């Protein structure tokens, strides 16, 4: 008897794994994402599906009738059957250069749509290397060999305070994984900035984090602080349409406490759905908890309510209200009434 499988149904998290994912997404960034410069360097085998898929956005898709000359097309990394030690491959591996050097706090090993071809177990090792890892590289285990479920997000908390540059992802004995998310905190070498250089304090690669937003119906909150200009309308922060005066808002923890000397608000690609106006506020706080309106009374104006325009990079210097000695640890971008912003840049000097 053939099983009646809904090939488009995704497996959803619940309970403790869902709460762990929420914590990781709130307080960490994906250090391995291709969007921040992550790169798959090499692997033992990717006969059925390319290793590069591991660090792409989303959870991966499934197309019923899509095949290649090697077999079923899969949106992930999939090796051929190794048959254990018989052919010399006891397990499969993939080496990934992290886009952001950082401390790993959690992992999401997502086998989405790999129902009958997921690995039995996985492990993750890490190293610190200024060059591409080779035969002499010393690897350190950050995730011991652990069982994983097919067609599921497998979430693991990691307790390790070392800042790593690369990981080696191992799957036993073979199989397919859709995505790997390496949640962590950026380790920034501030000596790489010269004296007097303005630093983008709201840049994800400098250690900034998008903590909380009023809404991200169309696209993710972290897009606001990603590298480069948005490549399309989906590569920004966009809220659904409000039926009141708003605003929608996004709270970003800055990479370091600092002053604000220049701000860029970029509405690239947002032509019919850019916000009408915006304000920018800031505060100094030791807490990242802004739930239920906490710390609302601490916000101070940085830029007053100002008009925005479609598909444009807006530069603000003279509009900044704060004096040069005023510092901030967090900023809140408010958009009226709603809409989409591609990127926000907050340039200033560190004050620690």
Protein backbone atom coordinates (compact mmCIF):
# COMPACT_ATOMS: atom_id res chain seq x y z
CA UNK A 1 0.00 0.00 0.00
CA UNK A 2 1.36 3.44 -0.94
CA UNK A 3 1.42 6.12 1.73
CA UNK A 4 -0.62 9.25 1.05
CA UNK A 5 1.93 12.02 1.82
CA UNK A 6 1.24 15.72 1.49
CA UNK A 7 4.55 16.71 -0.09
CA UNK A 8 3.99 20.41 0.58
CA UNK A 9 3.26 20.10 4.31
CA UNK A 10 6.05 21.47 6.50
CA UNK A 11 6.87 20.21 9.96
CA UNK A 12 6.37 22.93 12.61
CA UNK A 13 8.13 23.37 15.94
CA UNK A 14 6.27 23.42 19.24
CA UNK A 15 7.01 23.41 22.96
CA UNK A 16 10.60 23.77 24.17
CA UNK A 17 12.22 23.65 20.69
CA UNK A 18 9.96 26.49 19.53
CA UNK A 19 10.89 28.58 22.57
CA UNK A 20 14.61 27.86 22.03
CA UNK A 21 14.33 28.94 18.40
CA UNK A 22 12.57 32.15 19.48
CA UNK A 23 15.35 32.92 21.94
CA UNK A 24 18.06 32.25 19.37
CA UNK A 25 16.37 34.37 16.70
CA UNK A 26 15.86 37.23 19.15
CA UNK A 27 19.29 37.37 20.76
CA UNK A 28 21.57 35.90 18.07
CA UNK A 29 22.31 36.14 14.35
CA UNK A 30 22.94 33.40 11.80
CA UNK A 31 26.72 33.47 11.52
CA UNK A 32 26.78 31.09 8.53
CA UNK A 33 24.12 32.65 6.30
CA UNK A 34 25.21 33.44 2.75
CA UNK A 35 23.58 36.85 3.27
CA UNK A 36 26.36 37.81 5.73
CA UNK A 37 29.14 36.22 3.68
CA UNK A 38 28.97 32.59 4.77
CA UNK A 39 30.49 30.17 2.27
CA UNK A 40 30.50 26.39 1.81
CA UNK A 41 34.11 25.52 1.01
CA UNK A 42 34.21 21.76 0.46
CA UNK A 43 32.39 18.53 1.23
CA UNK A 44 32.84 14.78 1.04
CA UNK A 45 30.06 14.35 -1.53
CA UNK A 46 27.12 16.32 -2.93
CA UNK A 47 26.06 14.04 -5.75
CA UNK A 48 22.30 14.68 -5.48
CA UNK A 49 22.11 18.26 -4.17
CA UNK A 50 24.75 20.97 -3.85
CA UNK A 51 26.32 21.92 -0.52
CA UNK A 52 25.73 25.63 -1.30
CA UNK A 53 22.03 25.16 -0.53
CA UNK A 54 22.79 24.63 3.17
CA UNK A 55 23.21 28.35 3.91
CA UNK A 56 20.56 29.81 1.61
CA UNK A 57 17.51 31.67 2.95
CA UNK A 58 14.29 29.95 3.95
CA UNK A 59 13.71 26.33 4.88
CA UNK A 60 13.91 24.92 1.39
CA UNK A 61 11.14 23.95 -1.00
CA UNK A 62 9.88 20.77 -2.62
CA UNK A 63 8.80 20.39 -6.25
CA UNK A 64 7.08 17.06 -6.91
CA UNK A 65 7.97 16.51 -10.53
CA UNK A 66 11.40 18.16 -10.68
CA UNK A 67 14.26 15.77 -11.46
CA UNK A 68 17.83 16.09 -12.69
CA UNK A 69 19.98 13.58 -14.56
CA UNK A 70 21.21 12.42 -11.14
CA UNK A 71 17.80 11.87 -9.59
CA UNK A 72 15.24 13.82 -7.62
CA UNK A 73 15.96 17.55 -7.31
CA UNK A 74 16.23 18.55 -3.66
CA UNK A 75 16.66 21.96 -2.07
CA UNK A 76 19.46 21.13 0.34
CA UNK A 77 22.73 19.24 0.56
CA UNK A 78 22.38 15.55 -0.28
CA UNK A 79 25.11 12.95 -0.67
CA UNK A 80 24.88 9.61 -2.42
CA UNK A 81 24.43 6.41 -0.40
CA UNK A 82 27.76 5.55 1.20
CA UNK A 83 26.89 2.10 2.61
CA UNK A 84 28.91 2.89 5.70
CA UNK A 85 32.58 1.93 5.76
CA UNK A 86 32.41 -0.37 2.73
CA UNK A 87 33.54 2.33 0.29
CA UNK A 88 35.71 4.34 2.67
CA UNK A 89 33.15 6.98 3.68
CA UNK A 90 32.07 6.38 7.25
CA UNK A 91 30.21 9.70 7.25
CA UNK A 92 29.73 12.78 5.10
CA UNK A 93 31.00 16.26 5.95
CA UNK A 94 30.82 19.85 4.77
CA UNK A 95 33.15 22.71 5.75
CA UNK A 96 31.57 26.16 6.05
CA UNK A 97 33.37 29.47 6.49
CA UNK A 98 31.28 31.64 8.78
CA UNK A 99 30.33 35.00 7.34
CA UNK A 100 30.74 36.48 10.82
CA UNK A 101 33.37 35.22 13.25
CA UNK A 102 31.51 34.57 16.45
CA UNK A 103 30.49 32.59 19.51
CA UNK A 104 28.00 29.81 18.67
CA UNK A 105 24.92 29.71 20.91
CA UNK A 106 22.68 27.33 18.97
CA UNK A 107 22.22 25.24 15.85
CA UNK A 108 19.23 24.45 13.66
CA UNK A 109 19.80 21.32 11.57
CA UNK A 110 16.78 21.43 9.27
CA UNK A 111 15.89 18.28 7.32
CA UNK A 112 12.82 19.91 5.76
CA UNK A 113 11.37 17.65 2.98
CA UNK A 114 14.09 15.05 3.53
CA UNK A 115 11.66 12.36 4.65
CA UNK A 116 13.25 9.10 3.54
CA UNK A 117 16.79 10.33 3.00
CA UNK A 118 17.71 12.30 6.14
CA UNK A 119 20.84 11.31 8.10
CA UNK A 120 20.49 9.26 11.26
CA UNK A 121 22.65 11.62 13.31
CA UNK A 122 24.89 14.69 13.01
CA UNK A 123 27.76 16.42 14.75
CA UNK A 124 29.40 19.83 14.38
CA UNK A 125 33.03 20.81 14.86
CA UNK A 126 34.61 24.26 14.71
CA UNK A 127 38.00 25.86 14.25
CA UNK A 128 39.76 29.22 14.20
CA UNK A 129 41.71 29.77 11.00
CA UNK A 130 42.80 32.77 8.94
CA UNK A 131 43.11 30.54 5.86
CA UNK A 132 41.00 27.77 4.37
CA UNK A 133 41.10 24.73 6.68
CA UNK A 134 43.30 21.85 5.56
CA UNK A 135 44.70 18.54 6.70
CA UNK A 136 46.53 20.14 9.64
CA UNK A 137 43.51 22.04 10.98
CA UNK A 138 42.60 21.27 14.59
CA UNK A 139 38.84 20.83 14.94
CA UNK A 140 36.96 21.15 18.22
CA UNK A 141 33.58 19.53 18.85
CA UNK A 142 30.76 21.98 19.59
CA UNK A 143 27.92 19.48 19.07
CA UNK A 144 28.47 15.85 19.99
CA UNK A 145 26.98 13.26 17.64
CA UNK A 146 23.23 13.63 18.07
CA UNK A 147 20.17 12.00 16.55
CA UNK A 148 18.02 14.05 14.18
CA UNK A 149 14.47 13.64 12.95
CA UNK A 150 13.53 13.51 9.27
CA UNK A 151 11.58 16.43 7.74
CA UNK A 152 12.11 18.52 10.90
CA UNK A 153 13.95 21.40 12.45
CA UNK A 154 16.40 19.93 14.94
CA UNK A 155 17.32 22.70 17.40
CA UNK A 156 20.35 22.43 19.70
CA UNK A 157 21.59 24.83 22.38
CA UNK A 158 25.38 25.21 22.45
CA UNK A 159 27.45 26.14 25.50
CA UNK A 160 30.85 27.37 24.33
CA UNK A 161 32.46 30.81 24.66
CA UNK A 162 35.07 30.56 21.90
CA UNK A 163 34.71 32.71 18.78
CA UNK A 164 35.03 30.48 15.71
CA UNK A 165 35.71 31.19 12.03
CA UNK A 166 34.68 27.86 10.42
CA UNK A 167 32.55 24.81 11.14
CA UNK A 168 32.62 21.25 9.85
CA UNK A 169 29.14 19.76 9.69
CA UNK A 170 29.09 15.95 9.78
CA UNK A 171 26.17 13.65 8.98
CA UNK A 172 26.09 9.92 9.69
CA UNK A 173 26.21 7.85 7.63
CA UNK A 174 24.97 9.91 4.64
CA UNK A 175 21.79 11.59 3.42
CA UNK A 176 20.34 15.05 3.03
CA UNK A 177 19.87 18.23 5.07
CA UNK A 178 18.00 21.26 3.79
CA UNK A 179 19.58 24.06 5.85
CA UNK A 180 21.93 24.68 8.74
CA UNK A 181 21.59 27.79 10.90
CA UNK A 182 24.52 28.69 13.15
CA UNK A 183 23.08 31.10 15.70
CA UNK A 184 25.58 33.14 17.65
CA UNK A 185 27.08 36.48 18.59
CA UNK A 186 29.57 38.40 16.47
CA UNK A 187 33.12 38.74 17.77
CA UNK A 188 34.30 42.12 16.45
CA UNK A 189 37.93 43.22 16.43
CA UNK A 190 37.57 46.96 16.98
CA UNK A 191 41.25 47.44 16.15
CA UNK A 192 40.30 46.89 12.51
CA UNK A 193 38.75 50.38 12.55
CA UNK A 194 41.12 53.35 12.34
CA UNK A 195 41.00 56.27 14.76
CA UNK A 196 38.16 58.66 13.95
CA UNK A 197 36.48 56.33 11.45
CA UNK A 198 32.69 56.39 11.56
CA UNK A 199 31.36 52.91 12.32
CA UNK A 200 27.98 51.59 11.26
CA UNK A 201 26.71 50.73 14.72
CA UNK A 202 23.54 49.16 13.27
CA UNK A 203 25.38 46.72 10.97
CA UNK A 204 24.90 43.00 11.59
CA UNK A 205 28.53 42.16 10.80
CA UNK A 206 29.69 44.69 13.39
CA UNK A 207 27.59 42.93 16.03
CA UNK A 208 24.24 44.75 15.84
CA UNK A 209 21.05 42.75 16.41
CA UNK A 210 17.45 43.33 15.36
CA UNK A 211 15.67 42.47 18.61
CA UNK A 212 11.98 43.14 18.20
CA UNK A 213 9.55 44.51 15.62
CA UNK A 214 5.89 45.41 15.64
CA UNK A 215 5.31 43.34 12.50
CA UNK A 216 7.33 41.50 9.84
CA UNK A 217 4.56 39.98 7.79
CA UNK A 218 6.35 40.15 4.44
CA UNK A 219 10.02 39.92 5.35
CA UNK A 220 12.44 39.36 8.21
CA UNK A 221 13.50 41.99 10.75
CA UNK A 222 17.20 41.23 10.28
CA UNK A 223 17.14 42.37 6.65
CA UNK A 224 17.17 45.96 7.90
CA UNK A 225 20.80 45.64 9.09
CA UNK A 226 22.20 43.26 6.45
CA UNK A 227 25.18 44.01 4.15
CA UNK A 228 24.76 45.90 0.88
CA UNK A 229 21.62 47.35 -0.63
CA UNK A 230 18.55 45.14 -0.88
CA UNK A 231 18.55 42.98 -4.01
CA UNK A 232 14.75 43.10 -4.33
CA UNK A 233 11.63 44.07 -2.38
CA UNK A 234 11.79 40.85 -0.36
CA UNK A 235 15.25 41.76 0.88
CA UNK A 236 14.15 44.41 3.37
CA UNK A 237 11.86 44.84 6.36
CA UNK A 238 8.21 45.18 5.28
CA UNK A 239 5.06 45.22 7.38
CA UNK A 240 1.49 44.48 6.36
CA UNK A 241 -0.94 47.34 5.69
CA UNK A 242 -2.26 49.03 8.80
CA UNK A 243 -5.73 50.55 8.99
CA UNK A 244 -4.74 53.10 11.62
CA UNK A 245 -2.12 55.87 11.93
CA UNK A 246 0.63 53.51 13.08
CA UNK A 247 3.50 53.47 13.51
CA UNK A 248 5.24 50.17 12.91
CA UNK A 249 8.64 49.96 14.56
CA UNK A 250 11.89 48.01 14.76
CA UNK A 251 14.25 47.95 17.76
CA UNK A 252 17.94 47.36 17.03
CA UNK A 253 20.65 46.75 19.61
CA UNK A 254 23.72 48.63 18.42
CA UNK A 255 27.05 46.90 17.96
CA UNK A 256 28.51 49.12 20.68
CA UNK A 257 27.44 52.05 22.78
CA UNK A 258 28.11 55.13 20.73
CA UNK A 259 27.05 58.52 19.47
CA UNK A 260 25.11 59.05 16.22
CA UNK A 261 26.56 61.34 13.57
CA UNK A 262 25.02 60.11 10.31
CA UNK A 263 21.94 58.03 9.43
CA UNK A 264 20.92 56.42 6.13
CA UNK A 265 17.37 55.17 5.54
CA UNK A 266 17.17 53.26 2.25
CA UNK A 267 13.81 52.50 0.60
CA UNK A 268 15.47 50.69 -2.33
CA UNK A 269 12.84 48.71 -4.35
CA UNK A 270 9.97 50.00 -2.20
CA UNK A 271 8.14 52.09 -4.79
CA UNK A 272 4.46 51.74 -3.94
CA UNK A 273 4.79 50.64 -0.33
CA UNK A 274 7.45 52.84 1.28
CA UNK A 275 6.55 54.57 4.57
CA UNK A 276 5.26 58.12 4.35
CA UNK A 277 7.40 59.38 7.26
CA UNK A 278 9.72 58.05 9.97
CA UNK A 279 11.30 58.94 13.29
CA UNK A 280 14.41 57.54 14.98
CA UNK A 281 14.78 57.23 18.74
CA UNK A 282 17.52 55.93 21.02
CA UNK A 283 18.25 54.98 24.61
CA UNK A 284 20.94 53.61 26.90
CA UNK A 285 19.98 50.39 28.67
CA UNK A 286 21.48 47.14 29.93
CA UNK A 287 18.33 45.19 29.11
CA UNK A 288 17.24 43.77 25.75
CA UNK A 289 13.70 43.12 27.00
CA UNK A 290 11.25 45.45 25.28
CA UNK A 291 8.24 43.17 25.48
CA UNK A 292 4.90 44.54 26.67
CA UNK A 293 6.08 48.14 26.33
CA UNK A 294 8.89 47.80 28.85
CA UNK A 295 11.38 50.72 28.95
CA UNK A 296 9.04 52.86 26.86
CA UNK A 297 9.81 55.97 28.91
CA UNK A 298 13.55 55.79 28.11
CA UNK A 299 13.30 56.57 24.39
CA UNK A 300 14.84 59.88 23.34
CA UNK A 301 14.50 61.54 19.90
CA UNK A 302 17.39 61.27 17.43
CA UNK A 303 15.57 62.36 14.25
CA UNK A 304 12.15 64.02 14.32
CA UNK A 305 9.32 62.91 12.05
CA UNK A 306 10.62 63.26 8.50
CA UNK A 307 9.28 62.60 5.00
CA UNK A 308 10.50 59.58 3.02
CA UNK A 309 10.42 58.88 -0.71
CA UNK A 310 10.22 55.81 -2.91
CA UNK A 311 13.24 53.74 -3.97
CA UNK A 312 15.77 56.19 -2.53
CA UNK A 313 18.75 56.28 -0.20
CA UNK A 314 18.06 59.09 2.30
CA UNK A 315 21.01 60.70 4.11
CA UNK A 316 20.49 62.52 7.41
CA UNK A 317 23.18 64.54 9.16
CA UNK A 318 21.84 68.00 9.96
CA UNK A 319 18.51 66.44 11.00
CA UNK A 320 20.11 64.66 13.98
CA UNK A 321 18.80 66.29 17.16
CA UNK A 322 21.21 64.82 19.69
CA UNK A 323 24.51 66.51 20.48
CA UNK A 324 27.81 64.81 19.81
CA UNK A 325 28.21 63.65 23.42
CA UNK A 326 24.85 61.84 23.58
CA UNK A 327 25.28 58.05 23.38
CA UNK A 328 22.96 55.13 22.74
CA UNK A 329 22.95 51.35 23.08
CA UNK A 330 19.64 50.78 21.24
CA UNK A 331 17.67 52.57 18.55
CA UNK A 332 14.05 52.34 17.44
CA UNK A 333 13.02 53.08 13.87
CA UNK A 334 9.35 54.13 13.66
CA UNK A 335 7.62 54.17 10.26
CA UNK A 336 4.28 55.89 9.63
CA UNK A 337 1.89 54.31 9.08
CA UNK A 338 3.55 51.13 7.75
CA UNK A 339 5.49 49.89 4.73
CA UNK A 340 8.95 48.73 3.80
CA UNK A 341 12.53 49.86 4.48
CA UNK A 342 15.42 48.11 2.75
CA UNK A 343 18.31 49.13 5.03
CA UNK A 344 19.08 51.37 8.00
CA UNK A 345 22.62 52.58 8.66
CA UNK A 346 23.51 54.37 11.91
CA UNK A 347 27.03 55.76 11.74
CA UNK A 348 28.88 57.05 14.78
CA UNK A 349 31.81 56.61 17.13
CA UNK A 350 32.09 54.05 19.90
CA UNK A 351 31.93 55.46 23.41
CA UNK A 352 32.81 52.80 25.97
